[in-house]
N, C-alpha and C. Protein backbone atom coordinates (compact mmCIF):
# COMPACT_ATOMS: atom_id res chain seq x y z
N GLU A 1 79.63 51.22 111.93
CA GLU A 1 79.62 50.76 110.48
C GLU A 1 79.80 51.97 109.57
N GLU A 2 80.95 51.95 108.87
CA GLU A 2 81.25 53.09 108.01
C GLU A 2 80.58 52.96 106.64
N SER A 3 80.35 54.06 106.08
CA SER A 3 79.72 54.07 104.76
C SER A 3 80.74 54.48 103.70
N ASP A 4 80.62 53.94 102.55
CA ASP A 4 81.50 54.36 101.41
C ASP A 4 80.91 55.48 100.66
N LYS A 5 79.83 56.00 101.08
CA LYS A 5 79.03 57.05 100.35
C LYS A 5 79.73 58.41 100.57
N ALA A 6 79.74 59.24 99.52
CA ALA A 6 80.42 60.55 99.65
C ALA A 6 79.40 61.42 100.53
N GLU A 7 79.97 62.30 101.29
CA GLU A 7 79.19 63.23 102.14
C GLU A 7 78.50 64.22 101.14
N THR A 8 77.23 64.42 101.51
CA THR A 8 76.43 65.35 100.69
C THR A 8 76.11 66.61 101.54
N VAL A 9 76.16 67.64 100.92
CA VAL A 9 75.97 68.99 101.60
C VAL A 9 74.94 69.82 100.76
N SER A 10 74.07 70.54 101.43
CA SER A 10 73.13 71.41 100.79
C SER A 10 73.47 72.84 101.20
N ILE A 11 73.68 73.72 100.20
CA ILE A 11 73.89 75.07 100.46
C ILE A 11 73.06 75.93 99.60
N HIS A 12 72.70 77.06 100.12
CA HIS A 12 71.83 78.05 99.29
C HIS A 12 72.66 78.69 98.23
N PRO A 13 72.04 79.14 97.10
CA PRO A 13 72.70 79.83 96.06
C PRO A 13 73.52 81.01 96.50
N TRP A 14 73.09 81.82 97.44
CA TRP A 14 73.92 82.96 97.86
C TRP A 14 75.11 82.45 98.67
N GLN A 15 74.97 81.34 99.33
CA GLN A 15 76.18 80.88 100.01
C GLN A 15 77.24 80.29 98.99
N TYR A 16 76.71 79.74 97.98
CA TYR A 16 77.66 79.22 96.92
C TYR A 16 78.32 80.46 96.27
N CYS A 17 77.53 81.45 96.00
CA CYS A 17 78.14 82.67 95.42
C CYS A 17 79.24 83.28 96.32
N GLN A 18 78.94 83.39 97.55
CA GLN A 18 79.90 83.98 98.56
C GLN A 18 81.22 83.07 98.51
N GLY A 19 81.05 81.71 98.52
CA GLY A 19 82.18 80.88 98.52
C GLY A 19 83.01 81.00 97.25
N CYS A 20 82.33 81.12 96.16
CA CYS A 20 82.90 81.23 94.84
C CYS A 20 83.80 82.48 94.84
N LYS A 21 83.18 83.59 95.22
CA LYS A 21 83.98 84.91 95.29
C LYS A 21 85.20 84.72 96.16
N TYR A 22 85.06 84.14 97.34
CA TYR A 22 86.16 84.06 98.15
C TYR A 22 87.28 83.16 97.58
N THR A 23 86.78 82.07 96.84
CA THR A 23 87.74 81.22 96.19
C THR A 23 88.72 81.97 95.23
N VAL A 24 87.99 82.80 94.49
CA VAL A 24 88.73 83.65 93.47
C VAL A 24 89.71 84.59 94.14
N GLU A 25 89.25 85.21 95.22
CA GLU A 25 90.08 86.18 96.07
C GLU A 25 91.30 85.45 96.64
N LEU A 26 91.00 84.26 97.22
CA LEU A 26 92.06 83.46 97.89
C LEU A 26 93.07 82.99 96.87
N TYR A 27 92.61 82.51 95.72
CA TYR A 27 93.50 82.00 94.69
C TYR A 27 94.48 83.21 94.24
N ALA A 28 93.85 84.34 94.01
CA ALA A 28 94.65 85.45 93.53
C ALA A 28 95.71 85.83 94.61
N LYS A 29 95.32 85.81 95.86
CA LYS A 29 96.30 86.20 97.00
C LYS A 29 97.34 85.16 97.10
N VAL A 30 97.01 83.84 97.12
CA VAL A 30 98.02 82.81 97.24
C VAL A 30 99.00 82.84 96.07
N ALA A 31 98.47 83.03 94.81
CA ALA A 31 99.30 83.02 93.60
C ALA A 31 100.24 84.27 93.60
N ALA A 32 99.71 85.42 94.06
CA ALA A 32 100.59 86.54 94.09
C ALA A 32 101.66 86.37 95.21
N ASP A 33 101.30 85.81 96.36
CA ASP A 33 102.29 85.63 97.35
C ASP A 33 103.37 84.63 96.84
N ARG A 34 102.96 83.53 96.18
CA ARG A 34 103.84 82.59 95.62
C ARG A 34 104.83 83.28 94.59
N LEU A 35 104.27 84.08 93.71
CA LEU A 35 105.16 84.73 92.75
C LEU A 35 106.13 85.68 93.43
N LYS A 36 105.72 86.44 94.45
CA LYS A 36 106.61 87.27 95.22
C LYS A 36 107.75 86.46 95.86
N GLN A 37 107.36 85.30 96.34
CA GLN A 37 108.38 84.55 97.03
C GLN A 37 109.38 84.00 96.02
N GLN A 38 108.94 83.59 94.84
CA GLN A 38 109.82 83.03 93.83
C GLN A 38 110.75 84.13 93.32
N LYS A 39 110.17 85.35 93.17
CA LYS A 39 110.99 86.50 92.66
C LYS A 39 112.00 86.83 93.66
N LYS A 40 111.74 86.89 94.95
CA LYS A 40 112.73 87.18 96.06
C LYS A 40 113.85 86.12 96.03
N ALA A 41 113.53 84.86 95.79
CA ALA A 41 114.50 83.77 95.78
C ALA A 41 115.33 83.82 94.53
N GLY A 42 115.04 84.72 93.62
CA GLY A 42 115.77 84.78 92.43
C GLY A 42 115.37 83.68 91.36
N GLY A 43 114.34 83.01 91.66
CA GLY A 43 113.82 82.05 90.66
C GLY A 43 112.94 82.64 89.69
N PRO A 44 112.48 81.80 88.69
CA PRO A 44 111.56 82.31 87.74
C PRO A 44 110.17 82.64 88.33
N ALA A 45 109.65 83.80 87.97
CA ALA A 45 108.35 84.17 88.46
C ALA A 45 107.29 83.58 87.64
N ALA A 46 107.22 82.26 87.65
CA ALA A 46 106.25 81.46 86.97
C ALA A 46 105.70 80.32 87.81
N MET A 47 104.51 79.88 87.52
CA MET A 47 104.01 78.81 88.27
C MET A 47 102.82 78.19 87.51
N ALA A 48 102.48 76.96 87.94
CA ALA A 48 101.33 76.28 87.35
C ALA A 48 100.19 76.44 88.32
N GLY A 49 99.13 76.99 87.86
CA GLY A 49 97.93 77.24 88.73
C GLY A 49 97.42 76.02 89.37
N GLU A 50 97.54 74.90 88.72
CA GLU A 50 97.03 73.56 89.26
C GLU A 50 97.70 73.31 90.57
N GLU A 51 98.89 73.66 90.76
CA GLU A 51 99.63 73.45 92.04
C GLU A 51 98.84 73.99 93.22
N ILE A 52 98.44 75.26 93.01
CA ILE A 52 97.75 75.95 94.07
C ILE A 52 96.29 75.40 94.25
N LEU A 53 95.56 75.16 93.12
CA LEU A 53 94.25 74.66 93.18
C LEU A 53 94.11 73.25 93.92
N GLY A 54 95.16 72.48 93.82
CA GLY A 54 95.21 71.23 94.47
C GLY A 54 94.98 71.17 95.96
N THR A 55 95.37 72.33 96.62
CA THR A 55 95.18 72.36 98.05
C THR A 55 94.47 73.64 98.58
N LEU A 56 93.96 74.45 97.55
CA LEU A 56 93.30 75.67 97.91
C LEU A 56 92.14 75.55 98.85
N CYS A 57 91.33 74.56 98.73
CA CYS A 57 90.08 74.43 99.52
C CYS A 57 90.47 73.93 100.93
N GLU A 58 91.72 73.47 101.17
CA GLU A 58 92.21 73.08 102.44
C GLU A 58 92.99 74.19 103.17
N ASP A 59 93.01 75.40 102.48
CA ASP A 59 93.77 76.49 103.09
C ASP A 59 93.15 76.77 104.44
N PRO A 60 94.05 77.15 105.44
CA PRO A 60 93.56 77.42 106.86
C PRO A 60 92.62 78.53 106.86
N ALA A 61 92.63 79.39 105.90
CA ALA A 61 91.64 80.56 105.92
C ALA A 61 90.18 79.96 105.83
N PHE A 62 89.95 78.90 105.16
CA PHE A 62 88.57 78.36 105.11
C PHE A 62 88.08 77.87 106.50
N PHE A 63 89.01 77.44 107.39
CA PHE A 63 88.60 76.81 108.67
C PHE A 63 88.23 77.87 109.66
N ASN A 64 88.41 79.13 109.32
CA ASN A 64 88.03 80.21 110.30
C ASN A 64 86.62 80.74 109.85
N MET A 65 86.07 80.13 108.83
CA MET A 65 84.80 80.69 108.24
C MET A 65 83.67 79.63 108.45
N GLN A 66 82.54 80.00 107.93
CA GLN A 66 81.40 79.07 107.94
C GLN A 66 81.78 77.89 106.94
N SER A 67 81.25 76.69 107.23
CA SER A 67 81.67 75.55 106.42
C SER A 67 81.25 75.64 104.95
N TYR A 68 80.20 76.36 104.68
CA TYR A 68 79.67 76.47 103.32
C TYR A 68 80.74 77.10 102.46
N MET A 69 81.63 77.98 103.01
CA MET A 69 82.65 78.57 102.16
C MET A 69 83.54 77.58 101.62
N ARG A 70 83.99 76.59 102.38
CA ARG A 70 84.88 75.52 101.91
C ARG A 70 84.13 74.57 100.91
N TRP A 71 82.89 74.31 101.26
CA TRP A 71 82.14 73.42 100.37
C TRP A 71 81.96 74.04 98.96
N SER A 72 81.74 75.33 99.00
CA SER A 72 81.65 76.06 97.76
C SER A 72 82.89 76.07 96.93
N CYS A 73 83.99 76.22 97.64
CA CYS A 73 85.28 76.11 96.90
C CYS A 73 85.48 74.73 96.30
N MET A 74 85.10 73.68 96.90
CA MET A 74 85.22 72.34 96.47
C MET A 74 84.33 72.17 95.21
N LYS A 75 83.12 72.75 95.28
CA LYS A 75 82.20 72.57 94.21
C LYS A 75 82.62 73.34 92.95
N VAL A 76 83.10 74.56 93.18
CA VAL A 76 83.57 75.40 92.11
C VAL A 76 84.72 74.74 91.41
N LEU A 77 85.75 74.34 92.18
CA LEU A 77 86.90 73.74 91.53
C LEU A 77 86.61 72.40 91.02
N GLY A 78 85.67 71.61 91.65
CA GLY A 78 85.39 70.28 91.10
C GLY A 78 84.66 70.25 89.83
N ASP A 79 83.80 71.27 89.67
CA ASP A 79 82.95 71.33 88.49
C ASP A 79 83.48 72.24 87.33
N ASN A 80 84.37 73.11 87.77
CA ASN A 80 84.73 74.26 86.79
C ASN A 80 86.24 74.57 86.84
N MET A 81 87.06 73.62 87.17
CA MET A 81 88.42 73.93 87.30
C MET A 81 89.10 74.53 86.04
N ASN A 82 88.84 73.93 84.89
CA ASN A 82 89.46 74.50 83.68
C ASN A 82 88.95 75.93 83.41
N GLU A 83 87.67 76.20 83.57
CA GLU A 83 87.12 77.54 83.34
C GLU A 83 87.74 78.51 84.33
N PHE A 84 87.83 78.02 85.65
CA PHE A 84 88.54 78.86 86.64
C PHE A 84 89.95 79.20 86.31
N LEU A 85 90.71 78.21 85.89
CA LEU A 85 92.17 78.56 85.47
C LEU A 85 92.21 79.39 84.29
N ALA A 86 91.25 79.30 83.35
CA ALA A 86 91.31 80.07 82.14
C ALA A 86 91.17 81.53 82.42
N GLU A 87 90.54 81.88 83.49
CA GLU A 87 90.47 83.31 83.87
C GLU A 87 91.82 83.91 84.26
N PHE A 88 92.70 82.96 84.72
CA PHE A 88 94.01 83.54 85.18
C PHE A 88 95.12 83.06 84.13
N ALA A 89 94.76 82.60 82.99
CA ALA A 89 95.75 82.17 82.02
C ALA A 89 96.57 83.29 81.41
N GLY A 90 97.83 83.00 81.11
CA GLY A 90 98.69 84.07 80.47
C GLY A 90 99.70 84.52 81.43
N GLN A 91 100.35 85.70 81.19
CA GLN A 91 101.39 86.16 81.93
C GLN A 91 100.88 87.32 82.88
N PHE A 92 101.09 87.18 84.14
CA PHE A 92 100.63 88.23 85.15
C PHE A 92 101.66 88.48 86.09
N THR A 93 101.77 89.62 86.58
CA THR A 93 102.65 90.04 87.77
C THR A 93 101.76 89.73 88.98
N ALA A 94 102.40 89.74 90.16
CA ALA A 94 101.62 89.60 91.45
C ALA A 94 100.65 90.72 91.56
N THR A 95 100.99 91.87 91.16
CA THR A 95 100.12 93.00 91.20
C THR A 95 98.86 92.83 90.25
N ASP A 96 99.17 92.25 89.10
CA ASP A 96 98.05 92.02 88.12
C ASP A 96 97.11 91.03 88.76
N LEU A 97 97.57 89.93 89.42
CA LEU A 97 96.67 88.95 90.02
C LEU A 97 95.72 89.68 91.10
N MET A 98 96.35 90.49 91.89
CA MET A 98 95.62 91.20 92.94
C MET A 98 94.53 92.06 92.27
N ASN A 99 94.95 92.81 91.28
CA ASN A 99 93.98 93.66 90.50
C ASN A 99 92.83 92.94 89.97
N LYS A 100 93.15 91.78 89.32
CA LYS A 100 92.14 90.94 88.84
C LYS A 100 91.14 90.50 89.85
N ALA A 101 91.56 90.19 91.02
CA ALA A 101 90.69 89.75 92.07
C ALA A 101 89.84 90.97 92.52
N ASP A 102 90.47 92.11 92.62
CA ASP A 102 89.78 93.32 92.97
C ASP A 102 88.67 93.73 91.94
N ASN A 103 89.02 93.56 90.66
CA ASN A 103 88.07 93.85 89.54
C ASN A 103 86.93 92.86 89.65
N PHE A 104 87.16 91.58 89.94
CA PHE A 104 86.20 90.59 90.09
C PHE A 104 85.18 90.96 91.20
N LYS A 105 85.75 91.41 92.24
CA LYS A 105 84.88 91.88 93.42
C LYS A 105 83.98 92.93 92.96
N ARG A 106 84.54 93.91 92.34
CA ARG A 106 83.77 95.12 91.94
C ARG A 106 82.68 94.66 90.95
N ALA A 107 82.96 93.80 90.00
CA ALA A 107 82.06 93.37 89.01
C ALA A 107 80.85 92.58 89.60
N ARG A 108 81.14 91.88 90.65
CA ARG A 108 80.08 91.09 91.31
C ARG A 108 79.18 91.94 92.16
N ARG A 109 79.58 93.12 92.63
CA ARG A 109 78.72 94.01 93.37
C ARG A 109 77.71 94.54 92.54
């Protein structure tokens, strides 16, 4: 007998924090890689962040980690996608994106 109820997960605040940090780092990495690929192909070095966020929590990197990391990603993007994207709004180079992720890591320490 299958249930139509959504799966519920309980994670500790520190786990949510770790997952949130990793989500920011992974987004910056994926976005920087995509910009580099577009530049190599001679195309415009521009993209819509929503394209990446649509599948970010399904990235294979999350499946090599504890499950709370992926759940945190889903929670962060589910509840705060606009705020998340606002942090990356504007024009950036691939290097800028990686520096933004590094600065975020330092600020959280």
